[in-house]
């Protein structure tokens, strides 16, 4: 048991402890975030605009395919806007779709858009 606890502690120190944000963490009501395409709970951490761009161009999707989406999304960006990194959680009923990661643009309590940067199917994760 102590080995398990120390392993978990080591992973927390190595990876960092990330908590899933809630609508209250963003200063929004549940009603304001209810229609978001990327749910609040998928957002893991906030990125600077530079980090968001790096995430977009280093994902596993063809850069040409997402560069236009990024340019259109970033053109909407204004000082004070947020770029959270998101990851769709794996769930059995989503397995065929695999994991999905990307960047979301949020202004106040409005989600202005997102860019998917990485997708991995079950086969890709196993290989």
C-alpha atoms as a PDB file:
ATOM      1  CA  UNK A   1       0.000   0.000   0.000  1.00  0.00           C
ATOM      2  CA  UNK A   2       2.764   2.469   0.857  1.00  0.00           C
ATOM      3  CA  UNK A   3       4.354   1.778  -2.532  1.00  0.00           C
ATOM      4  CA  UNK A   4       1.084   2.708  -4.235  1.00  0.00           C
ATOM      5  CA  UNK A   5       0.793   5.933  -2.244  1.00  0.00           C
ATOM      6  CA  UNK A   6       4.370   6.957  -2.988  1.00  0.00           C
ATOM      7  CA  UNK A   7       3.870   6.199  -6.688  1.00  0.00           C
ATOM      8  CA  UNK A   8       0.763   8.376  -6.762  1.00  0.00           C
ATOM      9  CA  UNK A   9       2.599  11.137  -4.884  1.00  0.00           C
ATOM     10  CA  UNK A  10       5.488  10.948  -7.339  1.00  0.00           C
ATOM     11  CA  UNK A  11       3.104  11.207 -10.298  1.00  0.00           C
ATOM     12  CA  UNK A  12       1.405  14.240  -8.793  1.00  0.00           C
ATOM     13  CA  UNK A  13       4.769  15.940  -8.300  1.00  0.00           C
ATOM     14  CA  UNK A  14       5.923  14.992 -11.791  1.00  0.00           C
ATOM     15  CA  UNK A  15       2.761  15.868 -13.704  1.00  0.00           C
ATOM     16  CA  UNK A  16       1.263  18.468 -11.405  1.00  0.00           C
ATOM     17  CA  UNK A  17      -2.148  18.442  -9.878  1.00  0.00           C
ATOM     18  CA  UNK A  18      -4.758  19.629 -12.348  1.00  0.00           C
ATOM     19  CA  UNK A  19      -8.285  20.215 -11.250  1.00  0.00           C
ATOM     20  CA  UNK A  20     -11.142  20.315 -13.685  1.00  0.00           C
ATOM     21  CA  UNK A  21     -12.542  23.842 -13.771  1.00  0.00           C
ATOM     22  CA  UNK A  22     -16.172  24.589 -13.144  1.00  0.00           C
ATOM     23  CA  UNK A  23     -18.335  27.356 -14.552  1.00  0.00           C
ATOM     24  CA  UNK A  24     -17.879  29.207 -11.237  1.00  0.00           C
ATOM     25  CA  UNK A  25     -14.074  29.174 -11.714  1.00  0.00           C
ATOM     26  CA  UNK A  26     -14.649  31.176 -14.891  1.00  0.00           C
ATOM     27  CA  UNK A  27     -17.005  33.593 -13.155  1.00  0.00           C
ATOM     28  CA  UNK A  28     -19.941  32.285 -15.208  1.00  0.00           C
ATOM     29  CA  UNK A  29     -23.256  30.708 -14.373  1.00  0.00           C
ATOM     30  CA  UNK A  30     -24.069  27.157 -15.387  1.00  0.00           C
ATOM     31  CA  UNK A  31     -26.690  28.543 -17.771  1.00  0.00           C
ATOM     32  CA  UNK A  32     -24.082  30.734 -19.499  1.00  0.00           C
ATOM     33  CA  UNK A  33     -21.826  27.740 -20.206  1.00  0.00           C
ATOM     34  CA  UNK A  34     -24.557  25.160 -20.897  1.00  0.00           C
ATOM     35  CA  UNK A  35     -24.498  25.639 -24.690  1.00  0.00           C
ATOM     36  CA  UNK A  36     -20.727  25.586 -25.100  1.00  0.00           C
ATOM     37  CA  UNK A  37     -19.519  23.164 -27.767  1.00  0.00           C
ATOM     38  CA  UNK A  38     -16.466  22.333 -25.628  1.00  0.00           C
ATOM     39  CA  UNK A  39     -17.750  21.781 -22.067  1.00  0.00           C
ATOM     40  CA  UNK A  40     -16.108  23.653 -19.188  1.00  0.00           C
ATOM     41  CA  UNK A  41     -15.040  20.343 -17.616  1.00  0.00           C
ATOM     42  CA  UNK A  42     -12.875  19.499 -20.643  1.00  0.00           C
ATOM     43  CA  UNK A  43     -10.735  22.624 -20.156  1.00  0.00           C
ATOM     44  CA  UNK A  44      -7.556  21.648 -18.301  1.00  0.00           C
ATOM     45  CA  UNK A  45      -5.321  24.702 -18.195  1.00  0.00           C
ATOM     46  CA  UNK A  46      -5.067  28.191 -19.569  1.00  0.00           C
ATOM     47  CA  UNK A  47      -2.552  28.989 -22.301  1.00  0.00           C
ATOM     48  CA  UNK A  48      -0.987  32.249 -23.390  1.00  0.00           C
ATOM     49  CA  UNK A  49      -1.679  33.150 -27.033  1.00  0.00           C
ATOM     50  CA  UNK A  50       1.867  32.013 -27.865  1.00  0.00           C
ATOM     51  CA  UNK A  51       1.366  28.662 -26.098  1.00  0.00           C
ATOM     52  CA  UNK A  52      -1.984  28.235 -27.863  1.00  0.00           C
ATOM     53  CA  UNK A  53      -0.319  28.769 -31.249  1.00  0.00           C
ATOM     54  CA  UNK A  54       2.454  26.300 -30.393  1.00  0.00           C
ATOM     55  CA  UNK A  55      -0.172  23.751 -29.329  1.00  0.00           C
ATOM     56  CA  UNK A  56      -1.940  24.194 -32.673  1.00  0.00           C
ATOM     57  CA  UNK A  57       1.146  23.764 -34.856  1.00  0.00           C
ATOM     58  CA  UNK A  58       2.598  20.861 -32.864  1.00  0.00           C
ATOM     59  CA  UNK A  59      -0.569  18.746 -32.755  1.00  0.00           C
ATOM     60  CA  UNK A  60      -0.879  15.537 -34.762  1.00  0.00           C
ATOM     61  CA  UNK A  61      -3.256  16.978 -37.362  1.00  0.00           C
ATOM     62  CA  UNK A  62      -1.899  18.361 -40.646  1.00  0.00           C
ATOM     63  CA  UNK A  63      -0.876  21.957 -39.991  1.00  0.00           C
ATOM     64  CA  UNK A  64      -2.357  23.151 -43.298  1.00  0.00           C
ATOM     65  CA  UNK A  65      -5.737  21.726 -42.294  1.00  0.00           C
ATOM     66  CA  UNK A  66      -5.904  23.701 -39.058  1.00  0.00           C
ATOM     67  CA  UNK A  67      -3.876  26.828 -39.835  1.00  0.00           C
ATOM     68  CA  UNK A  68      -6.890  28.584 -41.394  1.00  0.00           C
ATOM     69  CA  UNK A  69      -9.065  27.659 -38.392  1.00  0.00           C
ATOM     70  CA  UNK A  70      -6.396  29.012 -36.040  1.00  0.00           C
ATOM     71  CA  UNK A  71      -6.019  32.236 -38.042  1.00  0.00           C
ATOM     72  CA  UNK A  72      -9.803  32.792 -37.992  1.00  0.00           C
ATOM     73  CA  UNK A  73     -10.019  32.012 -34.273  1.00  0.00           C
ATOM     74  CA  UNK A  74      -7.024  34.138 -33.292  1.00  0.00           C
ATOM     75  CA  UNK A  75      -8.348  37.056 -35.365  1.00  0.00           C
ATOM     76  CA  UNK A  76     -11.217  37.208 -32.823  1.00  0.00           C
ATOM     77  CA  UNK A  77      -8.818  37.340 -29.846  1.00  0.00           C
ATOM     78  CA  UNK A  78      -8.789  40.520 -27.731  1.00  0.00           C
ATOM     79  CA  UNK A  79      -6.891  41.449 -24.597  1.00  0.00           C
ATOM     80  CA  UNK A  80      -8.502  39.701 -21.639  1.00  0.00           C
ATOM     81  CA  UNK A  81      -9.706  36.698 -23.665  1.00  0.00           C
ATOM     82  CA  UNK A  82      -8.670  33.198 -22.566  1.00  0.00           C
ATOM     83  CA  UNK A  83      -7.214  30.253 -24.460  1.00  0.00           C
ATOM     84  CA  UNK A  84      -7.842  27.099 -22.414  1.00  0.00           C
ATOM     85  CA  UNK A  85      -6.305  23.803 -23.534  1.00  0.00           C
ATOM     86  CA  UNK A  86      -8.986  21.113 -23.659  1.00  0.00           C
ATOM     87  CA  UNK A  87      -9.041  17.329 -23.723  1.00  0.00           C
ATOM     88  CA  UNK A  88     -12.188  15.351 -24.344  1.00  0.00           C
ATOM     89  CA  UNK A  89     -12.264  12.632 -21.687  1.00  0.00           C
ATOM     90  CA  UNK A  90     -12.236   9.056 -22.896  1.00  0.00           C
ATOM     91  CA  UNK A  91     -15.550   7.345 -22.389  1.00  0.00           C
ATOM     92  CA  UNK A  92     -16.621   3.892 -23.623  1.00  0.00           C
ATOM     93  CA  UNK A  93     -19.316   5.306 -25.879  1.00  0.00           C
ATOM     94  CA  UNK A  94     -16.743   7.660 -27.478  1.00  0.00           C
ATOM     95  CA  UNK A  95     -14.007   5.056 -28.096  1.00  0.00           C
ATOM     96  CA  UNK A  96     -14.497   5.030 -31.854  1.00  0.00           C
ATOM     97  CA  UNK A  97     -13.760   8.746 -31.862  1.00  0.00           C
ATOM     98  CA  UNK A  98     -10.670   8.403 -29.658  1.00  0.00           C
ATOM     99  CA  UNK A  99      -9.199  11.255 -27.693  1.00  0.00           C
ATOM    100  CA  UNK A 100      -9.381  14.837 -28.859  1.00  0.00           C
ATOM    101  CA  UNK A 101      -7.355  17.843 -27.721  1.00  0.00           C
ATOM    102  CA  UNK A 102      -7.293  21.443 -28.741  1.00  0.00           C
ATOM    103  CA  UNK A 103      -7.578  25.107 -27.890  1.00  0.00           C
ATOM    104  CA  UNK A 104     -10.740  27.085 -27.066  1.00  0.00           C
ATOM    105  CA  UNK A 105     -11.198  30.858 -27.195  1.00  0.00           C
ATOM    106  CA  UNK A 106     -13.314  32.277 -24.373  1.00  0.00           C
ATOM    107  CA  UNK A 107     -14.354  35.908 -23.882  1.00  0.00           C
ATOM    108  CA  UNK A 108     -16.131  36.507 -20.599  1.00  0.00           C
ATOM    109  CA  UNK A 109     -18.731  33.726 -20.551  1.00  0.00           C
ATOM    110  CA  UNK A 110     -18.910  33.292 -24.335  1.00  0.00           C
ATOM    111  CA  UNK A 111     -17.097  30.534 -26.171  1.00  0.00           C
ATOM    112  CA  UNK A 112     -16.023  32.081 -29.472  1.00  0.00           C
ATOM    113  CA  UNK A 113     -14.664  28.930 -31.098  1.00  0.00           C
ATOM    114  CA  UNK A 114     -12.091  26.184 -30.888  1.00  0.00           C
ATOM    115  CA  UNK A 115      -9.387  24.412 -32.870  1.00  0.00           C
ATOM    116  CA  UNK A 116      -8.837  20.677 -32.534  1.00  0.00           C
ATOM    117  CA  UNK A 117      -5.095  20.021 -32.538  1.00  0.00           C
ATOM    118  CA  UNK A 118      -4.749  16.285 -31.862  1.00  0.00           C
ATOM    119  CA  UNK A 119      -6.881  13.205 -32.364  1.00  0.00           C
ATOM    120  CA  UNK A 120      -5.921   9.655 -31.424  1.00  0.00           C
ATOM    121  CA  UNK A 121      -7.988   6.581 -32.182  1.00  0.00           C
ATOM    122  CA  UNK A 122      -7.811   3.390 -30.127  1.00  0.00           C
ATOM    123  CA  UNK A 123      -5.530   1.868 -32.791  1.00  0.00           C
ATOM    124  CA  UNK A 124      -3.171   4.857 -32.696  1.00  0.00           C
ATOM    125  CA  UNK A 125      -2.974   4.745 -28.891  1.00  0.00           C
ATOM    126  CA  UNK A 126      -2.185   1.013 -28.887  1.00  0.00           C
ATOM    127  CA  UNK A 127       0.436   1.233 -31.623  1.00  0.00           C
END
